[in-house]
Amino acid sequence: MTEKKTTISAEKTVLHPRNPHRLRYDFKQLTDACPELRPFIKLNQYNIESIDFGNPEAVKMLNKAILKLHYGIVNWDIPKNYLCPPIPGRADYIYHIADLLASFNNGVIPKGKSVSVLDIGVGASCIYPLIGNKTYGWHFVGTDIDAMAIRCAHQIIESNAFPKGSIEVRLQSKPSNIYSSILKAGEKFDLSICNPPFHSSPEEAAGELQRKLRNLASPGKLPSVSNFGGQNNELWCDGGEAEFIRRMVKQSSELPDRCMWFSSLVSKKSNLQDIYKALQKAGAKEVRTIEMAQGQKQSRIVAWTFLSQGELTGWQKNGINLI
């Protein structure tokens, strides 16, 4: 097993160079696209237009505006207490993973519905399929163990102008399974992506959220944790992200030829060594670690394949999907 580490530098931020959210939010453009955002905009302590990131309604409205302006998503909403994702960071995953595909396609990012991506834990927001399909035209299958999340994601897809079948969502009825019982016979994917549950307990998740809220809140004003999104399965699982990814590694090794590159976000750098050990034990042929960051938050993608170099080349040629 070989392990390669890639670090992407940045100009003003450390977001991917193609990420359209690298610069400060242009609230003039955002409010032109989504006038409902305007009441939430105010001057911050630096006399710069911003929103109160401690206000969940403001954050959700900002997401609506971003999706309208940059991705043409006209109708987007999530139920109260579901995770409201930070779009710049989610977009970064898509841009970095596109570069991974390009590295096996003569430096060219493959586009169109022939590229098939599996999103583990698509969530009510359906955010990765929305960004990936609108940016590159990729076909997505999103899975989740939460029936409400699947219904909401399906509603977003149906209420926007997506080509028929370009984004599918499926309920994983067996929560202990990640890949099996959700894939159709003979179905293969170029990529599998995942933003795993980060915390190991609800108490840990609540404590981290309190810390974030203290950093976001105005002096003397602390928003309630209950106002912020995140169902239990979105925020925590037994063993946290390390255990979830180890389970993902093991189960991916049982279906080694069903996906060219498996991948997951890894928030805690301290989890990497255990993940690498799990990948080595599972027989991964190649592992790539792609560094990411948004503001002060450091993260990374770990991607792995069970295919040899020859098989990767063959996948491209017969590929099923690559151009």
C-alpha atoms as a PDB file:
ATOM      1  CA  MET A   1       0.000   0.000   0.000  1.00  0.00           C
ATOM      2  CA  THR A   2       1.344   3.434  -0.906  1.00  0.00           C
ATOM      3  CA  GLU A   3       0.227   6.659   0.726  1.00  0.00           C
ATOM      4  CA  LYS A   4       0.428  10.025  -1.019  1.00  0.00           C
ATOM      5  CA  LYS A   5      -0.209  13.370   0.646  1.00  0.00           C
ATOM      6  CA  THR A   6      -1.424  16.381  -1.289  1.00  0.00           C
ATOM      7  CA  THR A   7      -1.635  19.913   0.070  1.00  0.00           C
ATOM      8  CA  ILE A   8      -3.442  22.604  -1.911  1.00  0.00           C
ATOM      9  CA  SER A   9      -2.227  26.136  -1.222  1.00  0.00           C
ATOM     10  CA  ALA A  10      -4.494  29.140  -1.511  1.00  0.00           C
ATOM     11  CA  GLU A  11      -4.443  32.841  -2.320  1.00  0.00           C
ATOM     12  CA  LYS A  12      -6.659  34.524   0.274  1.00  0.00           C
ATOM     13  CA  THR A  13      -8.094  31.418   1.879  1.00  0.00           C
ATOM     14  CA  VAL A  14      -7.144  27.775   1.962  1.00  0.00           C
ATOM     15  CA  LEU A  15     -10.182  26.677  -0.019  1.00  0.00           C
ATOM     16  CA  HIS A  16      -9.667  24.938  -3.351  1.00  0.00           C
ATOM     17  CA  PRO A  17      -8.626  27.314  -6.161  1.00  0.00           C
ATOM     18  CA  ARG A  18     -11.797  26.514  -8.154  1.00  0.00           C
ATOM     19  CA  ASN A  19     -14.092  26.944  -5.177  1.00  0.00           C
ATOM     20  CA  PRO A  20     -16.401  29.910  -5.939  1.00  0.00           C
ATOM     21  CA  HIS A  21     -16.698  30.639  -2.206  1.00  0.00           C
ATOM     22  CA  ARG A  22     -13.045  31.558  -1.658  1.00  0.00           C
ATOM     23  CA  LEU A  23     -13.666  35.258  -1.190  1.00  0.00           C
ATOM     24  CA  ARG A  24     -15.971  37.116   1.179  1.00  0.00           C
ATOM     25  CA  TYR A  25     -19.664  36.684   0.549  1.00  0.00           C
ATOM     26  CA  ASP A  26     -20.992  39.201  -1.970  1.00  0.00           C
ATOM     27  CA  PHE A  27     -24.202  40.121  -0.197  1.00  0.00           C
ATOM     28  CA  LYS A  28     -25.356  42.351  -3.055  1.00  0.00           C
ATOM     29  CA  GLN A  29     -25.353  39.376  -5.425  1.00  0.00           C
ATOM     30  CA  LEU A  30     -26.738  37.045  -2.777  1.00  0.00           C
ATOM     31  CA  THR A  31     -29.672  39.305  -1.914  1.00  0.00           C
ATOM     32  CA  ASP A  32     -30.382  39.923  -5.595  1.00  0.00           C
ATOM     33  CA  ALA A  33     -30.686  36.149  -5.976  1.00  0.00           C
ATOM     34  CA  CYS A  34     -32.545  35.676  -2.701  1.00  0.00           C
ATOM     35  CA  PRO A  35     -34.192  38.839  -1.320  1.00  0.00           C
ATOM     36  CA  GLU A  36     -35.327  36.905   1.780  1.00  0.00           C
ATOM     37  CA  LEU A  37     -31.720  37.052   2.988  1.00  0.00           C
ATOM     38  CA  ARG A  38     -31.701  40.858   3.260  1.00  0.00           C
ATOM     39  CA  PRO A  39     -33.285  41.153   6.767  1.00  0.00           C
ATOM     40  CA  PHE A  40     -30.542  38.925   8.206  1.00  0.00           C
ATOM     41  CA  ILE A  41     -27.641  41.088   6.981  1.00  0.00           C
ATOM     42  CA  LYS A  42     -25.989  43.507   9.378  1.00  0.00           C
ATOM     43  CA  LEU A  43     -22.638  45.186   9.906  1.00  0.00           C
ATOM     44  CA  ASN A  44     -20.244  43.189  12.069  1.00  0.00           C
ATOM     45  CA  GLN A  45     -17.644  44.550  14.498  1.00  0.00           C
ATOM     46  CA  TYR A  46     -15.354  45.349  11.559  1.00  0.00           C
ATOM     47  CA  ASN A  47     -18.109  47.376   9.859  1.00  0.00           C
ATOM     48  CA  ILE A  48     -18.416  44.724   7.142  1.00  0.00           C
ATOM     49  CA  GLU A  49     -21.698  43.226   5.961  1.00  0.00           C
ATOM     50  CA  SER A  50     -22.292  39.784   7.417  1.00  0.00           C
ATOM     51  CA  ILE A  51     -24.936  37.677   9.134  1.00  0.00           C
ATOM     52  CA  ASP A  52     -25.230  36.388  12.676  1.00  0.00           C
ATOM     53  CA  PHE A  53     -23.748  32.899  12.320  1.00  0.00           C
ATOM     54  CA  GLY A  54     -25.188  32.124  15.742  1.00  0.00           C
ATOM     55  CA  ASN A  55     -28.692  32.448  14.280  1.00  0.00           C
ATOM     56  CA  PRO A  56     -29.778  29.182  12.616  1.00  0.00           C
ATOM     57  CA  GLU A  57     -32.427  30.902  10.488  1.00  0.00           C
ATOM     58  CA  ALA A  58     -29.833  33.340   9.150  1.00  0.00           C
ATOM     59  CA  VAL A  59     -27.450  30.488   8.326  1.00  0.00           C
ATOM     60  CA  LYS A  60     -30.168  28.527   6.529  1.00  0.00           C
ATOM     61  CA  MET A  61     -31.198  31.604   4.532  1.00  0.00           C
ATOM     62  CA  LEU A  62     -27.566  32.207   3.571  1.00  0.00           C
ATOM     63  CA  ASN A  63     -27.406  28.639   2.300  1.00  0.00           C
ATOM     64  CA  LYS A  64     -30.556  29.181   0.249  1.00  0.00           C
ATOM     65  CA  ALA A  65     -29.026  32.301  -1.301  1.00  0.00           C
ATOM     66  CA  ILE A  66     -25.710  30.584  -2.076  1.00  0.00           C
ATOM     67  CA  LEU A  67     -27.453  27.639  -3.707  1.00  0.00           C
ATOM     68  CA  LYS A  68     -29.617  29.963  -5.827  1.00  0.00           C
ATOM     69  CA  LEU A  69     -26.761  32.239  -6.872  1.00  0.00           C
ATOM     70  CA  HIS A  70     -23.993  29.726  -7.544  1.00  0.00           C
ATOM     71  CA  TYR A  71     -25.820  26.502  -8.392  1.00  0.00           C
ATOM     72  CA  GLY A  72     -29.245  27.495  -9.678  1.00  0.00           C
ATOM     73  CA  ILE A  73     -31.031  25.600  -6.893  1.00  0.00           C
ATOM     74  CA  VAL A  74     -34.307  27.504  -6.627  1.00  0.00           C
ATOM     75  CA  ASN A  75     -36.092  25.386  -4.032  1.00  0.00           C
ATOM     76  CA  TRP A  76     -34.108  24.203  -1.017  1.00  0.00           C
ATOM     77  CA  ASP A  77     -35.145  23.729   2.576  1.00  0.00           C
ATOM     78  CA  ILE A  78     -34.494  21.376   5.483  1.00  0.00           C
ATOM     79  CA  PRO A  79     -36.624  20.564   8.533  1.00  0.00           C
ATOM     80  CA  LYS A  80     -35.890  22.157  11.875  1.00  0.00           C
ATOM     81  CA  ASN A  81     -33.109  20.431  13.819  1.00  0.00           C
ATOM     82  CA  TYR A  82     -31.509  18.847  10.754  1.00  0.00           C
ATOM     83  CA  LEU A  83     -27.902  19.593   9.914  1.00  0.00           C
ATOM     84  CA  CYS A  84     -27.418  22.817   7.946  1.00  0.00           C
ATOM     85  CA  PRO A  85     -24.095  22.305   6.173  1.00  0.00           C
ATOM     86  CA  PRO A  86     -21.461  24.986   5.538  1.00  0.00           C
ATOM     87  CA  ILE A  87     -21.510  25.088   1.744  1.00  0.00           C
ATOM     88  CA  PRO A  88     -17.944  26.365   1.111  1.00  0.00           C
ATOM     89  CA  GLY A  89     -16.439  23.371   2.912  1.00  0.00           C
ATOM     90  CA  ARG A  90     -18.815  20.897   1.285  1.00  0.00           C
ATOM     91  CA  ALA A  91     -17.977  22.304  -2.142  1.00  0.00           C
ATOM     92  CA  ASP A  92     -14.277  21.842  -1.383  1.00  0.00           C
ATOM     93  CA  TYR A  93     -14.752  18.086  -1.046  1.00  0.00           C
ATOM     94  CA  ILE A  94     -16.290  17.980  -4.520  1.00  0.00           C
ATOM     95  CA  TYR A  95     -13.479  20.031  -6.106  1.00  0.00           C
ATOM     96  CA  HIS A  96     -10.714  18.011  -4.453  1.00  0.00           C
ATOM     97  CA  ILE A  97     -12.272  14.668  -5.308  1.00  0.00           C
ATOM     98  CA  ALA A  98     -12.703  15.859  -8.909  1.00  0.00           C
ATOM     99  CA  ASP A  99      -8.937  16.370  -9.004  1.00  0.00           C
ATOM    100  CA  LEU A 100      -8.486  12.783  -7.858  1.00  0.00           C
ATOM    101  CA  LEU A 101     -10.499  11.576 -10.859  1.00  0.00           C
ATOM    102  CA  ALA A 102      -8.556  13.914 -13.141  1.00  0.00           C
ATOM    103  CA  SER A 103      -5.281  12.342 -11.998  1.00  0.00           C
ATOM    104  CA  PHE A 104      -6.410   9.139 -13.725  1.00  0.00           C
ATOM    105  CA  ASN A 105      -7.842  10.919 -16.746  1.00  0.00           C
ATOM    106  CA  ASN A 106      -4.845  12.734 -18.251  1.00  0.00           C
ATOM    107  CA  GLY A 107      -5.413  15.708 -15.968  1.00  0.00           C
ATOM    108  CA  VAL A 108      -8.933  16.287 -17.265  1.00  0.00           C
ATOM    109  CA  ILE A 109     -11.872  16.281 -14.841  1.00  0.00           C
ATOM    110  CA  PRO A 110     -14.448  13.880 -16.289  1.00  0.00           C
ATOM    111  CA  LYS A 111     -17.890  15.416 -16.535  1.00  0.00           C
ATOM    112  CA  GLY A 112     -21.380  14.222 -17.273  1.00  0.00           C
ATOM    113  CA  LYS A 113     -23.752  11.521 -16.151  1.00  0.00           C
ATOM    114  CA  SER A 114     -21.327   8.714 -17.002  1.00  0.00           C
ATOM    115  CA  VAL A 115     -19.448   9.557 -13.783  1.00  0.00           C
ATOM    116  CA  SER A 116     -21.281   7.909 -10.902  1.00  0.00           C
ATOM    117  CA  VAL A 117     -20.835   8.924  -7.256  1.00  0.00           C
ATOM    118  CA  LEU A 118     -22.162   7.255  -4.113  1.00  0.00           C
ATOM    119  CA  ASP A 119     -22.840   9.626  -1.192  1.00  0.00           C
ATOM    120  CA  ILE A 120     -22.955   7.823   2.156  1.00  0.00           C
ATOM    121  CA  GLY A 121     -25.155   9.829   4.541  1.00  0.00           C
ATOM    122  CA  VAL A 122     -26.663  12.227   2.016  1.00  0.00           C
ATOM    123  CA  GLY A 123     -28.703  13.994   4.721  1.00  0.00           C
ATOM    124  CA  ALA A 124     -31.842  16.085   4.366  1.00  0.00           C
ATOM    125  CA  SER A 125     -29.819  18.855   2.683  1.00  0.00           C
ATOM    126  CA  CYS A 126     -28.656  16.611  -0.205  1.00  0.00           C
ATOM    127  CA  ILE A 127     -25.753  19.029  -0.436  1.00  0.00           C
ATOM    128  CA  TYR A 128     -23.023  16.957  -2.111  1.00  0.00           C
ATOM    129  CA  PRO A 129     -25.248  15.695  -4.952  1.00  0.00           C
ATOM    130  CA  LEU A 130     -26.593  19.213  -5.557  1.00  0.00           C
ATOM    131  CA  ILE A 131     -23.127  20.739  -5.841  1.00  0.00           C
ATOM    132  CA  GLY A 132     -21.577  17.821  -7.725  1.00  0.00           C
ATOM    133  CA  ASN A 133     -24.358  17.502 -10.267  1.00  0.00           C
ATOM    134  CA  LYS A 134     -24.626  21.229 -10.945  1.00  0.00           C
ATOM    135  CA  THR A 135     -20.834  21.664 -11.178  1.00  0.00           C
ATOM    136  CA  TYR A 136     -19.829  18.567 -13.163  1.00  0.00           C
ATOM    137  CA  GLY A 137     -23.060  16.885 -14.230  1.00  0.00           C
ATOM    138  CA  TRP A 138     -22.185  13.714 -12.302  1.00  0.00           C
ATOM    139  CA  HIS A 139     -24.788  11.093 -11.487  1.00  0.00           C
ATOM    140  CA  PHE A 140     -25.309  10.641  -7.730  1.00  0.00           C
ATOM    141  CA  VAL A 141     -26.833   8.018  -5.502  1.00  0.00           C
ATOM    142  CA  GLY A 142     -27.321   9.292  -1.949  1.00  0.00           C
ATOM    143  CA  THR A 143     -28.021   6.947   0.943  1.00  0.00           C
ATOM    144  CA  ASP A 144     -29.156   7.574   4.499  1.00  0.00           C
ATOM    145  CA  ILE A 145     -30.547   5.632   7.463  1.00  0.00           C
ATOM    146  CA  ASP A 146     -32.997   8.462   8.257  1.00  0.00           C
ATOM    147  CA  ALA A 147     -36.310   8.164   6.393  1.00  0.00           C
ATOM    148  CA  MET A 148     -37.162  11.836   6.932  1.00  0.00           C
ATOM    149  CA  ALA A 149     -33.800  12.886   5.483  1.00  0.00           C
ATOM    150  CA  ILE A 150     -34.444  10.761   2.410  1.00  0.00           C
ATOM    151  CA  ARG A 151     -37.912  12.281   1.945  1.00  0.00           C
ATOM    152  CA  CYS A 152     -36.528  15.812   2.239  1.00  0.00           C
ATOM    153  CA  ALA A 153     -33.657  15.130  -0.162  1.00  0.00           C
ATOM    154  CA  HIS A 154     -36.109  13.612  -2.655  1.00  0.00           C
ATOM    155  CA  GLN A 155     -38.348  16.666  -2.379  1.00  0.00           C
ATOM    156  CA  ILE A 156     -35.407  18.996  -3.119  1.00  0.00           C
ATOM    157  CA  ILE A 157     -34.487  16.944  -6.184  1.00  0.00           C
ATOM    158  CA  GLU A 158     -38.058  16.822  -7.472  1.00  0.00           C
ATOM    159  CA  SER A 159     -38.689  20.547  -6.952  1.00  0.00           C
ATOM    160  CA  ASN A 160     -35.634  21.636  -8.954  1.00  0.00           C
ATOM    161  CA  ALA A 161     -34.728  21.222 -12.601  1.00  0.00           C
ATOM    162  CA  PHE A 162     -32.563  18.108 -12.487  1.00  0.00           C
ATOM    163  CA  PRO A 163     -32.493  15.701 -15.425  1.00  0.00           C
ATOM    164  CA  LYS A 164     -34.515  12.593 -14.610  1.00  0.00           C
ATOM    165  CA  GLY A 165     -32.453  10.032 -12.751  1.00  0.00           C
ATOM    166  CA  SER A 166     -29.432  12.278 -12.307  1.00  0.00           C
ATOM    167  CA  ILE A 167     -29.736  12.167  -8.509  1.00  0.00           C
ATOM    168  CA  GLU A 168     -31.224   9.186  -6.680  1.00  0.00           C
ATOM    169  CA  VAL A 169     -31.725   8.794  -2.941  1.00  0.00           C
ATOM    170  CA  ARG A 170     -32.141   5.473  -1.155  1.00  0.00           C
ATOM    171  CA  LEU A 171     -33.021   4.539   2.409  1.00  0.00           C
ATOM    172  CA  GLN A 172     -30.505   2.233   4.055  1.00  0.00           C
ATOM    173  CA  SER A 173     -32.811  -0.022   6.053  1.00  0.00           C
ATOM    174  CA  LYS A 174     -29.948  -1.773   7.849  1.00  0.00           C
ATOM    175  CA  PRO A 175     -28.070   0.918   9.832  1.00  0.00           C
ATOM    176  CA  SER A 176     -25.075  -1.346  10.470  1.00  0.00           C
ATOM    177  CA  ASN A 177     -24.522  -1.669   6.712  1.00  0.00           C
ATOM    178  CA  ILE A 178     -22.778   1.016   4.703  1.00  0.00           C
ATOM    179  CA  TYR A 179     -22.544  -0.402   1.176  1.00  0.00           C
ATOM    180  CA  SER A 180     -24.276  -3.769   1.109  1.00  0.00           C
ATOM    181  CA  SER A 181     -28.090  -3.961   0.866  1.00  0.00           C
ATOM    182  CA  ILE A 182     -28.108  -0.536  -0.792  1.00  0.00           C
ATOM    183  CA  LEU A 183     -26.298  -1.274  -4.067  1.00  0.00           C
ATOM    184  CA  LYS A 184     -28.147  -2.771  -7.004  1.00  0.00           C
ATOM    185  CA  ALA A 185     -26.886  -5.887  -8.757  1.00  0.00           C
ATOM    186  CA  GLY A 186     -23.904  -5.078 -10.969  1.00  0.00           C
ATOM    187  CA  GLU A 187     -23.908  -1.407  -9.937  1.00  0.00           C
ATOM    188  CA  LYS A 188     -20.493   0.275  -9.859  1.00  0.00           C
ATOM    189  CA  PHE A 189     -19.284   3.723  -8.869  1.00  0.00           C
ATOM    190  CA  ASP A 190     -16.286   5.857  -9.711  1.00  0.00           C
ATOM    191  CA  LEU A 191     -16.347   7.505  -6.286  1.00  0.00           C
ATOM    192  CA  SER A 192     -17.814   6.995  -2.863  1.00  0.00           C
ATOM    193  CA  ILE A 193     -17.883  10.044  -0.578  1.00  0.00           C
ATOM    194  CA  CYS A 194     -18.859  10.470   3.061  1.00  0.00           C
ATOM    195  CA  ASN A 195     -19.016  13.046   5.826  1.00  0.00           C
ATOM    196  CA  PRO A 196     -19.127  10.648   8.799  1.00  0.00           C
ATOM    197  CA  PRO A 197     -20.610  11.306  12.238  1.00  0.00           C
ATOM    198  CA  PHE A 198     -17.874  13.137  14.087  1.00  0.00           C
ATOM    199  CA  HIS A 199     -18.595  12.571  17.785  1.00  0.00           C
ATOM    200  CA  SER A 200     -18.699   9.437  19.913  1.00  0.00           C
ATOM    201  CA  SER A 201     -21.649  10.428  22.138  1.00  0.00           C
ATOM    202  CA  PRO A 202     -24.516  12.945  22.303  1.00  0.00           C
ATOM    203  CA  GLU A 203     -22.807  14.592  25.275  1.00  0.00           C
ATOM    204  CA  GLU A 204     -19.630  15.142  23.278  1.00  0.00           C
ATOM    205  CA  ALA A 205     -21.636  16.557  20.360  1.00  0.00           C
ATOM    206  CA  ALA A 206     -23.549  18.944  22.645  1.00  0.00           C
ATOM    207  CA  GLY A 207     -20.340  20.116  24.328  1.00  0.00           C
ATOM    208  CA  GLU A 208     -18.664  20.881  21.019  1.00  0.00           C
ATOM    209  CA  LEU A 209     -21.729  22.757  19.806  1.00  0.00           C
ATOM    210  CA  GLN A 210     -21.770  24.841  22.982  1.00  0.00           C
ATOM    211  CA  ARG A 211     -18.133  25.774  22.368  1.00  0.00           C
ATOM    212  CA  LYS A 212     -18.893  26.828  18.799  1.00  0.00           C
ATOM    213  CA  LEU A 213     -21.907  28.848  19.895  1.00  0.00           C
ATOM    214  CA  ARG A 214     -19.859  30.690  22.495  1.00  0.00           C
ATOM    215  CA  ASN A 215     -17.439  31.683  19.725  1.00  0.00           C
ATOM    216  CA  LEU A 216     -20.262  32.836  17.465  1.00  0.00           C
ATOM    217  CA  ALA A 217     -22.516  34.547  19.950  1.00  0.00           C
ATOM    218  CA  SER A 218     -22.741  38.244  20.608  1.00  0.00           C
ATOM    219  CA  PRO A 219     -21.603  39.278  24.111  1.00  0.00           C
ATOM    220  CA  GLY A 220     -24.174  38.205  26.684  1.00  0.00           C
ATOM    221  CA  LYS A 221     -26.222  36.274  24.124  1.00  0.00           C
ATOM    222  CA  LEU A 222     -25.794  32.517  23.743  1.00  0.00           C
ATOM    223  CA  PRO A 223     -28.100  30.776  21.265  1.00  0.00           C
ATOM    224  CA  SER A 224     -29.786  27.600  22.422  1.00  0.00           C
ATOM    225  CA  VAL A 225     -28.260  24.322  21.269  1.00  0.00           C
ATOM    226  CA  SER A 226     -31.780  23.117  20.469  1.00  0.00           C
ATOM    227  CA  ASN A 227     -32.039  25.755  17.754  1.00  0.00           C
ATOM    228  CA  PHE A 228     -29.217  24.218  15.767  1.00  0.00           C
ATOM    229  CA  GLY A 229     -29.430  21.333  13.348  1.00  0.00           C
ATOM    230  CA  GLY A 230     -28.137  17.825  13.642  1.00  0.00           C
ATOM    231  CA  GLN A 231     -29.943  14.568  14.246  1.00  0.00           C
ATOM    232  CA  ASN A 232     -28.202  11.963  16.373  1.00  0.00           C
ATOM    233  CA  ASN A 233     -27.100   9.884  13.381  1.00  0.00           C
ATOM    234  CA  GLU A 234     -25.662  13.030  11.730  1.00  0.00           C
ATOM    235  CA  LEU A 235     -23.583  14.076  14.728  1.00  0.00           C
ATOM    236  CA  TRP A 236     -22.438  11.000  16.607  1.00  0.00           C
ATOM    237  CA  CYS A 237     -22.058   7.228  16.591  1.00  0.00           C
ATOM    238  CA  ASP A 238     -20.417   4.715  18.907  1.00  0.00           C
ATOM    239  CA  GLY A 239     -16.674   5.237  18.577  1.00  0.00           C
ATOM    240  CA  GLY A 240     -17.037   8.508  16.653  1.00  0.00           C
ATOM    241  CA  GLU A 241     -15.628   9.093  13.190  1.00  0.00           C
ATOM    242  CA  ALA A 242     -12.654   6.763  13.724  1.00  0.00           C
ATOM    243  CA  GLU A 243     -14.870   3.735  14.348  1.00  0.00           C
ATOM    244  CA  PHE A 244     -17.279   4.690  11.559  1.00  0.00           C
ATOM    245  CA  ILE A 245     -14.437   4.954   9.035  1.00  0.00           C
ATOM    246  CA  ARG A 246     -12.866   1.679  10.222  1.00  0.00           C
ATOM    247  CA  ARG A 247     -16.244   0.042   9.608  1.00  0.00           C
ATOM    248  CA  MET A 248     -16.404   1.738   6.231  1.00  0.00           C
ATOM    249  CA  VAL A 249     -12.933   0.416   5.349  1.00  0.00           C
ATOM    250  CA  LYS A 250     -13.829  -3.147   6.326  1.00  0.00           C
ATOM    251  CA  GLN A 251     -17.098  -3.134   4.422  1.00  0.00           C
ATOM    252  CA  SER A 252     -15.538  -1.519   1.350  1.00  0.00           C
ATOM    253  CA  SER A 253     -12.950  -4.336   1.275  1.00  0.00           C
ATOM    254  CA  GLU A 254     -15.831  -6.795   0.926  1.00  0.00           C
ATOM    255  CA  LEU A 255     -16.914  -5.042  -2.295  1.00  0.00           C
ATOM    256  CA  PRO A 256     -13.493  -4.051  -3.684  1.00  0.00           C
ATOM    257  CA  ASP A 257     -14.467  -3.858  -7.355  1.00  0.00           C
ATOM    258  CA  ARG A 258     -17.742  -1.994  -6.918  1.00  0.00           C
ATOM    259  CA  CYS A 259     -16.059   1.414  -6.582  1.00  0.00           C
ATOM    260  CA  MET A 260     -12.861   2.817  -8.041  1.00  0.00           C
ATOM    261  CA  TRP A 261     -12.125   5.210  -5.155  1.00  0.00           C
ATOM    262  CA  PHE A 262     -13.718   5.078  -1.719  1.00  0.00           C
ATOM    263  CA  SER A 263     -13.276   8.205   0.405  1.00  0.00           C
ATOM    264  CA  SER A 264     -14.253   9.956   3.617  1.00  0.00           C
ATOM    265  CA  LEU A 265     -13.688  13.221   5.392  1.00  0.00           C
ATOM    266  CA  VAL A 266     -11.480  12.880   8.487  1.00  0.00           C
ATOM    267  CA  SER A 267     -11.842  15.759  10.922  1.00  0.00           C
ATOM    268  CA  LYS A 268      -9.408  14.617  13.595  1.00  0.00           C
ATOM    269  CA  LYS A 269      -5.793  14.320  12.479  1.00  0.00           C
ATOM    270  CA  SER A 270      -5.164  12.026  15.448  1.00  0.00           C
ATOM    271  CA  ASN A 271      -7.430   9.415  13.820  1.00  0.00           C
ATOM    272  CA  LEU A 272      -5.295   9.068  10.715  1.00  0.00           C
ATOM    273  CA  GLN A 273      -2.826   6.451  11.953  1.00  0.00           C
ATOM    274  CA  ASP A 274      -5.591   4.073  13.032  1.00  0.00           C
ATOM    275  CA  ILE A 275      -7.338   4.600   9.701  1.00  0.00           C
ATOM    276  CA  TYR A 276      -4.114   3.881   7.789  1.00  0.00           C
ATOM    277  CA  LYS A 277      -3.647   0.676   9.812  1.00  0.00           C
ATOM    278  CA  ALA A 278      -7.207  -0.395   9.012  1.00  0.00           C
ATOM    279  CA  LEU A 279      -6.614   0.281   5.310  1.00  0.00           C
ATOM    280  CA  GLN A 280      -3.394  -1.712   5.310  1.00  0.00           C
ATOM    281  CA  LYS A 281      -5.094  -4.619   7.062  1.00  0.00           C
ATOM    282  CA  ALA A 282      -7.984  -4.458   4.556  1.00  0.00           C
ATOM    283  CA  GLY A 283      -5.581  -4.684   1.621  1.00  0.00           C
ATOM    284  CA  ALA A 284      -5.957  -1.213   0.102  1.00  0.00           C
ATOM    285  CA  LYS A 285      -3.596  -0.894  -2.858  1.00  0.00           C
ATOM    286  CA  GLU A 286      -3.272   2.872  -2.682  1.00  0.00           C
ATOM    287  CA  VAL A 287      -4.267   5.573  -0.193  1.00  0.00           C
ATOM    288  CA  ARG A 288      -4.309   9.312  -0.774  1.00  0.00           C
ATOM    289  CA  THR A 289      -4.663  12.000   1.867  1.00  0.00           C
ATOM    290  CA  ILE A 290      -5.850  15.385   0.633  1.00  0.00           C
ATOM    291  CA  GLU A 291      -5.482  18.262   3.064  1.00  0.00           C
ATOM    292  CA  MET A 292      -8.372  20.715   3.372  1.00  0.00           C
ATOM    293  CA  ALA A 293      -9.143  23.737   5.509  1.00  0.00           C
ATOM    294  CA  GLN A 294     -11.804  26.401   5.943  1.00  0.00           C
ATOM    295  CA  GLY A 295     -10.824  29.347   8.089  1.00  0.00           C
ATOM    296  CA  GLN A 296      -9.280  27.929  11.252  1.00  0.00           C
ATOM    297  CA  LYS A 297     -10.797  24.459  10.755  1.00  0.00           C
ATOM    298  CA  GLN A 298      -8.376  21.846   9.466  1.00  0.00           C
ATOM    299  CA  SER A 299      -9.669  18.702   7.818  1.00  0.00           C
ATOM    300  CA  ARG A 300      -8.700  16.204   5.158  1.00  0.00           C
ATOM    301  CA  ILE A 301     -10.065  13.595   2.770  1.00  0.00           C
ATOM    302  CA  VAL A 302      -8.713  10.065   2.917  1.00  0.00           C
ATOM    303  CA  ALA A 303      -9.316   8.143  -0.317  1.00  0.00           C
ATOM    304  CA  TRP A 304      -8.457   4.511  -0.972  1.00  0.00           C
ATOM    305  CA  THR A 305      -8.734   1.922  -3.704  1.00  0.00           C
ATOM    306  CA  PHE A 306      -8.434  -1.846  -3.836  1.00  0.00           C
ATOM    307  CA  LEU A 307      -7.568  -1.760  -7.538  1.00  0.00           C
ATOM    308  CA  SER A 308      -4.054  -2.185  -8.887  1.00  0.00           C
ATOM    309  CA  GLN A 309      -2.539   0.370 -11.228  1.00  0.00           C
ATOM    310  CA  GLY A 310      -3.428  -1.892 -14.140  1.00  0.00           C
ATOM    311  CA  GLU A 311      -7.006  -2.235 -12.948  1.00  0.00           C
ATOM    312  CA  LEU A 312      -7.273   1.516 -12.488  1.00  0.00           C
ATOM    313  CA  THR A 313      -6.060   2.000 -16.048  1.00  0.00           C
ATOM    314  CA  GLY A 314      -8.515  -0.624 -17.239  1.00  0.00           C
ATOM    315  CA  TRP A 315     -11.324   1.079 -15.377  1.00  0.00           C
ATOM    316  CA  GLN A 316     -10.474   4.242 -17.279  1.00  0.00           C
ATOM    317  CA  LYS A 317     -10.289   2.557 -20.653  1.00  0.00           C
ATOM    318  CA  ASN A 318     -13.370   0.392 -20.317  1.00  0.00           C
ATOM    319  CA  GLY A 319     -14.260   2.807 -17.653  1.00  0.00           C
ATOM    320  CA  ILE A 320     -17.107   2.373 -17.253  1.00  0.00           C
ATOM    321  CA  ASN A 321     -17.362   5.952 -16.612  1.00  0.00           C
ATOM    322  CA  LEU A 322     -14.212   7.927 -17.183  1.00  0.00           C
ATOM    323  CA  ILE A 323     -13.639   9.678 -20.502  1.00  0.00           C
END
